[in-house]
Every structure is written in structure tokens, then in C-alpha cells.
PDB file of N, CA and C in Angstrom:
ATOM      1  N   MET A   1      -3.634 120.872 106.717  1.00  0.00           N
ATOM      2  CA  MET A   1      -3.249 119.540 106.885  1.00  0.00           C
ATOM      3  C   MET A   1      -1.895 119.595 107.708  1.00  0.00           C
ATOM      4  N   THR A   2      -1.769 118.703 108.548  1.00  0.00           N
ATOM      5  CA  THR A   2      -0.698 118.670 109.562  1.00  0.00           C
ATOM      6  C   THR A   2       0.541 118.111 108.715  1.00  0.00           C
ATOM      7  N   ASP A   3       1.762 118.457 109.343  1.00  0.00           N
ATOM      8  CA  ASP A   3       2.975 117.895 108.766  1.00  0.00           C
ATOM      9  C   ASP A   3       2.958 116.267 108.832  1.00  0.00           C
ATOM     10  N   ASP A   4       2.560 115.815 109.899  1.00  0.00           N
ATOM     11  CA  ASP A   4       2.472 114.384 110.020  1.00  0.00           C
ATOM     12  C   ASP A   4       1.623 113.655 109.115  1.00  0.00           C
ATOM     13  N   LEU A   5       0.449 114.313 108.747  1.00  0.00           N
ATOM     14  CA  LEU A   5      -0.378 113.809 107.737  1.00  0.00           C
ATOM     15  C   LEU A   5       0.094 113.986 106.300  1.00  0.00           C
ATOM     16  N   LYS A   6       0.842 114.991 105.973  1.00  0.00           N
ATOM     17  CA  LYS A   6       1.584 115.117 104.816  1.00  0.00           C
ATOM     18  C   LYS A   6       2.579 114.105 104.615  1.00  0.00           C
ATOM     19  N   LYS A   7       3.347 113.900 105.669  1.00  0.00           N
ATOM     20  CA  LYS A   7       4.439 112.698 105.489  1.00  0.00           C
ATOM     21  C   LYS A   7       3.842 111.325 105.242  1.00  0.00           C
ATOM     22  N   LEU A   8       2.741 111.137 105.930  1.00  0.00           N
ATOM     23  CA  LEU A   8       2.077 109.849 105.772  1.00  0.00           C
ATOM     24  C   LEU A   8       1.549 109.740 104.281  1.00  0.00           C
ATOM     25  N   ILE A   9       0.902 110.729 103.824  1.00  0.00           N
ATOM     26  CA  ILE A   9       0.468 110.668 102.405  1.00  0.00           C
ATOM     27  C   ILE A   9       1.666 110.464 101.429  1.00  0.00           C
ATOM     28  N   GLU A  10       2.668 111.225 101.587  1.00  0.00           N
ATOM     29  CA  GLU A  10       3.907 111.084 100.768  1.00  0.00           C
ATOM     30  C   GLU A  10       4.360 109.608 100.896  1.00  0.00           C
ATOM     31  N   ALA A  11       4.433 108.986 102.003  1.00  0.00           N
ATOM     32  CA  ALA A  11       4.935 107.631 102.197  1.00  0.00           C
ATOM     33  C   ALA A  11       4.046 106.706 101.506  1.00  0.00           C
ATOM     34  N   ALA A  12       2.608 107.000 101.519  1.00  0.00           N
ATOM     35  CA  ALA A  12       1.671 106.070 100.782  1.00  0.00           C
ATOM     36  C   ALA A  12       1.933 105.998  99.195  1.00  0.00           C
ATOM     37  N   LYS A  13       2.216 107.261  98.845  1.00  0.00           N
ATOM     38  CA  LYS A  13       2.403 107.397  97.241  1.00  0.00           C
ATOM     39  C   LYS A  13       3.515 106.499  96.786  1.00  0.00           C
ATOM     40  N   THR A  14       4.664 106.127  97.638  1.00  0.00           N
ATOM     41  CA  THR A  14       5.713 105.407  97.132  1.00  0.00           C
ATOM     42  C   THR A  14       5.578 103.872  97.756  1.00  0.00           C
ATOM     43  N   ALA A  15       4.689 103.699  98.510  1.00  0.00           N
ATOM     44  CA  ALA A  15       4.376 102.125  99.077  1.00  0.00           C
ATOM     45  C   ALA A  15       4.238 101.277  98.061  1.00  0.00           C
ATOM     46  N   LYS A  16       4.886 100.009  98.083  1.00  0.00           N
ATOM     47  CA  LYS A  16       4.734  98.950  97.073  1.00  0.00           C
ATOM     48  C   LYS A  16       4.056  97.879  97.849  1.00  0.00           C
ATOM     49  N   PRO A  17       2.683  97.514  97.574  1.00  0.00           N
ATOM     50  CA  PRO A  17       2.079  96.504  98.196  1.00  0.00           C
ATOM     51  C   PRO A  17       2.616  95.123  97.680  1.00  0.00           C
ATOM     52  N   THR A  18       2.512  94.092  98.692  1.00  0.00           N
ATOM     53  CA  THR A  18       3.068  92.774  98.330  1.00  0.00           C
ATOM     54  C   THR A  18       1.828  92.173  97.440  1.00  0.00           C
ATOM     55  N   ALA A  19       2.244  90.968  96.833  1.00  0.00           N
ATOM     56  CA  ALA A  19       1.334  90.331  96.108  1.00  0.00           C
ATOM     57  C   ALA A  19       0.187  89.840  96.947  1.00  0.00           C
ATOM     58  N   GLU A  20       0.600  89.398  98.153  1.00  0.00           N
ATOM     59  CA  GLU A  20      -0.417  88.979  99.098  1.00  0.00           C
ATOM     60  C   GLU A  20      -1.468  90.073  99.544  1.00  0.00           C
ATOM     61  N   HIS A  21      -0.812  91.201  99.761  1.00  0.00           N
ATOM     62  CA  HIS A  21      -1.702  92.304 100.067  1.00  0.00           C
ATOM     63  C   HIS A  21      -2.686  92.683  98.792  1.00  0.00           C
ATOM     64  N   ARG A  22      -2.146  92.779  97.723  1.00  0.00           N
ATOM     65  CA  ARG A  22      -3.109  92.987  96.544  1.00  0.00           C
ATOM     66  C   ARG A  22      -4.124  91.988  96.502  1.00  0.00           C
ATOM     67  N   GLU A  23      -3.812  90.740  96.778  1.00  0.00           N
ATOM     68  CA  GLU A  23      -4.886  89.556  96.753  1.00  0.00           C
ATOM     69  C   GLU A  23      -5.863  89.840  97.822  1.00  0.00           C
ATOM     70  N   GLN A  24      -5.600  90.225  98.899  1.00  0.00           N
ATOM     71  CA  GLN A  24      -6.331  90.512  99.966  1.00  0.00           C
ATOM     72  C   GLN A  24      -7.354  91.590  99.716  1.00  0.00           C
ATOM     73  N   GLN A  25      -6.740  92.736  99.069  1.00  0.00           N
ATOM     74  CA  GLN A  25      -7.619  93.800  98.521  1.00  0.00           C
ATOM     75  C   GLN A  25      -8.559  93.334  97.628  1.00  0.00           C
ATOM     76  N   ARG A  26      -8.199  92.599  96.666  1.00  0.00           N
ATOM     77  CA  ARG A  26      -9.001  92.110  95.510  1.00  0.00           C
ATOM     78  C   ARG A  26     -10.182  91.353  96.012  1.00  0.00           C
ATOM     79  N   ARG A  27      -9.875  90.493  96.934  1.00  0.00           N
ATOM     80  CA  ARG A  27     -11.082  89.698  97.634  1.00  0.00           C
ATOM     81  C   ARG A  27     -11.968  90.479  98.285  1.00  0.00           C
ATOM     82  N   SER A  28     -11.371  91.430  99.018  1.00  0.00           N
ATOM     83  CA  SER A  28     -12.223  92.353  99.866  1.00  0.00           C
ATOM     84  C   SER A  28     -13.118  93.172  98.916  1.00  0.00           C
ATOM     85  N   PHE A  29     -12.645  93.672  97.800  1.00  0.00           N
ATOM     86  CA  PHE A  29     -13.482  94.282  96.786  1.00  0.00           C
ATOM     87  C   PHE A  29     -14.512  93.596  96.137  1.00  0.00           C
ATOM     88  N   VAL A  30     -14.184  92.291  95.827  1.00  0.00           N
ATOM     89  CA  VAL A  30     -15.184  91.239  95.278  1.00  0.00           C
ATOM     90  C   VAL A  30     -16.159  91.068  96.367  1.00  0.00           C
ATOM     91  N   TYR A  31     -15.823  90.811  97.595  1.00  0.00           N
ATOM     92  CA  TYR A  31     -16.866  90.624  98.598  1.00  0.00           C
ATOM     93  C   TYR A  31     -17.852  91.794  98.804  1.00  0.00           C
ATOM     94  N   GLY A  32     -17.213  92.945  99.047  1.00  0.00           N
ATOM     95  CA  GLY A  32     -18.014  94.172  99.196  1.00  0.00           C
ATOM     96  C   GLY A  32     -19.022  94.410  98.059  1.00  0.00           C
ATOM     97  N   ASN A  33     -18.644  94.230  96.836  1.00  0.00           N
ATOM     98  CA  ASN A  33     -19.497  94.426  95.724  1.00  0.00           C
ATOM     99  C   ASN A  33     -20.485  93.392  95.513  1.00  0.00           C
ATOM    100  N   THR A  34     -20.134  92.120  95.703  1.00  0.00           N
ATOM    101  CA  THR A  34     -21.105  91.015  95.538  1.00  0.00           C
ATOM    102  C   THR A  34     -22.044  90.951  96.725  1.00  0.00           C
ATOM    103  N   HIS A  35     -21.522  91.056  97.887  1.00  0.00           N
ATOM    104  CA  HIS A  35     -22.435  91.102  99.154  1.00  0.00           C
ATOM    105  C   HIS A  35     -23.474  92.272  99.170  1.00  0.00           C
ATOM    106  N   PHE A  36     -22.974  93.403  98.536  1.00  0.00           N
ATOM    107  CA  PHE A  36     -23.974  94.496  98.455  1.00  0.00           C
ATOM    108  C   PHE A  36     -25.097  94.087  97.604  1.00  0.00           C
ATOM    109  N   GLU A  37     -24.957  93.311  96.479  1.00  0.00           N
ATOM    110  CA  GLU A  37     -26.033  92.948  95.683  1.00  0.00           C
ATOM    111  C   GLU A  37     -26.791  91.698  96.108  1.00  0.00           C
ATOM    112  N   ASN A  38     -26.076  90.720  96.886  1.00  0.00           N
ATOM    113  CA  ASN A  38     -26.711  89.620  97.239  1.00  0.00           C
ATOM    114  C   ASN A  38     -26.148  89.206  98.692  1.00  0.00           C
ATOM    115  N   GLU A  39     -26.940  89.368  99.683  1.00  0.00           N
ATOM    116  CA  GLU A  39     -26.558  89.193 101.049  1.00  0.00           C
ATOM    117  C   GLU A  39     -26.051  87.765 101.355  1.00  0.00           C
ATOM    118  N   LEU A  40     -26.440  86.876 100.482  1.00  0.00           N
ATOM    119  CA  LEU A  40     -26.116  85.326 100.748  1.00  0.00           C
ATOM    120  C   LEU A  40     -24.666  85.108 100.531  1.00  0.00           C
ATOM    121  N   ILE A  41     -23.979  86.124  99.850  1.00  0.00           N
ATOM    122  CA  ILE A  41     -22.638  85.933  99.518  1.00  0.00           C
ATOM    123  C   ILE A  41     -21.763  86.105 100.764  1.00  0.00           C
ATOM    124  N   THR A  42     -20.844  85.046 101.116  1.00  0.00           N
ATOM    125  CA  THR A  42     -19.934  85.315 102.274  1.00  0.00           C
ATOM    126  C   THR A  42     -18.441  85.468 101.785  1.00  0.00           C
ATOM    127  N   ARG A  43     -17.802  85.903 102.786  1.00  0.00           N
ATOM    128  CA  ARG A  43     -16.251  85.977 102.518  1.00  0.00           C
ATOM    129  C   ARG A  43     -15.768  84.609 102.200  1.00  0.00           C
ATOM    130  N   GLU A  44     -16.184  83.554 102.936  1.00  0.00           N
ATOM    131  CA  GLU A  44     -15.786  82.273 102.813  1.00  0.00           C
ATOM    132  C   GLU A  44     -16.029  81.777 101.217  1.00  0.00           C
ATOM    133  N   MET A  45     -17.181  82.153 100.745  1.00  0.00           N
ATOM    134  CA  MET A  45     -17.411  81.707  99.324  1.00  0.00           C
ATOM    135  C   MET A  45     -16.573  82.501  98.465  1.00  0.00           C
ATOM    136  N   VAL A  46     -16.179  83.703  98.572  1.00  0.00           N
ATOM    137  CA  VAL A  46     -15.243  84.485  97.728  1.00  0.00           C
ATOM    138  C   VAL A  46     -13.778  83.801  97.801  1.00  0.00           C
ATOM    139  N   ASP A  47     -13.414  83.447  99.117  1.00  0.00           N
ATOM    140  CA  ASP A  47     -12.104  82.873  99.278  1.00  0.00           C
ATOM    141  C   ASP A  47     -12.057  81.501  98.489  1.00  0.00           C
ATOM    142  N   ARG A  48     -13.087  80.725  98.714  1.00  0.00           N
ATOM    143  CA  ARG A  48     -13.203  79.384  98.090  1.00  0.00           C
ATOM    144  C   ARG A  48     -13.096  79.486  96.507  1.00  0.00           C
ATOM    145  N   GLU A  49     -13.789  80.485  95.946  1.00  0.00           N
ATOM    146  CA  GLU A  49     -13.732  80.782  94.531  1.00  0.00           C
ATOM    147  C   GLU A  49     -12.434  81.206  94.075  1.00  0.00           C
ATOM    148  N   ALA A  50     -11.800  82.109  94.774  1.00  0.00           N
ATOM    149  CA  ALA A  50     -10.501  82.610  94.452  1.00  0.00           C
ATOM    150  C   ALA A  50      -9.542  81.618  94.527  1.00  0.00           C
ATOM    151  N   GLU A  51      -9.612  80.613  95.456  1.00  0.00           N
ATOM    152  CA  GLU A  51      -8.607  79.573  95.494  1.00  0.00           C
ATOM    153  C   GLU A  51      -8.769  78.561  94.306  1.00  0.00           C
ATOM    154  N   LYS A  52     -10.050  78.428  93.894  1.00  0.00           N
ATOM    155  CA  LYS A  52     -10.243  77.576  92.687  1.00  0.00           C
ATOM    156  C   LYS A  52      -9.709  78.236  91.406  1.00  0.00           C
ATOM    157  N   LEU A  53      -9.791  79.447  91.288  1.00  0.00           N
ATOM    158  CA  LEU A  53      -9.312  80.212  90.269  1.00  0.00           C
ATOM    159  C   LEU A  53      -7.748  80.243  90.233  1.00  0.00           C
ATOM    160  N   ALA A  54      -7.094  80.262  91.404  1.00  0.00           N
ATOM    161  CA  ALA A  54      -5.697  80.337  91.417  1.00  0.00           C
ATOM    162  C   ALA A  54      -5.153  78.859  91.061  1.00  0.00           C
ATOM    163  N   LYS A  55      -5.840  77.765  91.289  1.00  0.00           N
ATOM    164  CA  LYS A  55      -5.516  76.456  90.920  1.00  0.00           C
ATOM    165  C   LYS A  55      -5.499  76.197  89.541  1.00  0.00           C
ATOM    166  N   GLU A  56      -6.434  76.938  88.847  1.00  0.00           N
ATOM    167  CA  GLU A  56      -6.561  76.864  87.455  1.00  0.00           C
ATOM    168  C   GLU A  56      -5.453  77.406  86.560  1.00  0.00           C
ATOM    169  N   LYS A  57      -4.730  78.375  87.169  1.00  0.00           N
ATOM    170  CA  LYS A  57      -3.683  78.939  86.493  1.00  0.00           C
ATOM    171  C   LYS A  57      -2.562  78.138  86.233  1.00  0.00           C
TER     172      LYS A  57
END
């Protein structure tokens, strides 16, 4: 492993994702898992449902 890669790994360990980044990752995870099972699922559908859930909070 190169020194540059080691530095990047160490930096990643202490990185604090923003709430927006976590939400993007959550939606990406949902899309990936649901689209895998049902190809009719789109990113737009995931975003729409996520927005509905956010409004309910």
C-alpha cells in the first residue's frame, strides 16, 4: 500500500459526512436494492417517496 493511499484511508476514517450526503447515500442504497429486485423502480420514484416521508416528520 502506498503512503498516499494510507493517508487517504486515515482521512476517510475521520471524515464526518453532512446530513445531505447521508441522505444521498440512503437514497442511493434504496434505489440500488429496489431496482435490483424490480427494474420498474426509478431514482425519481425513490426521491418522490423520500420527500413524502420527510414532509410527514
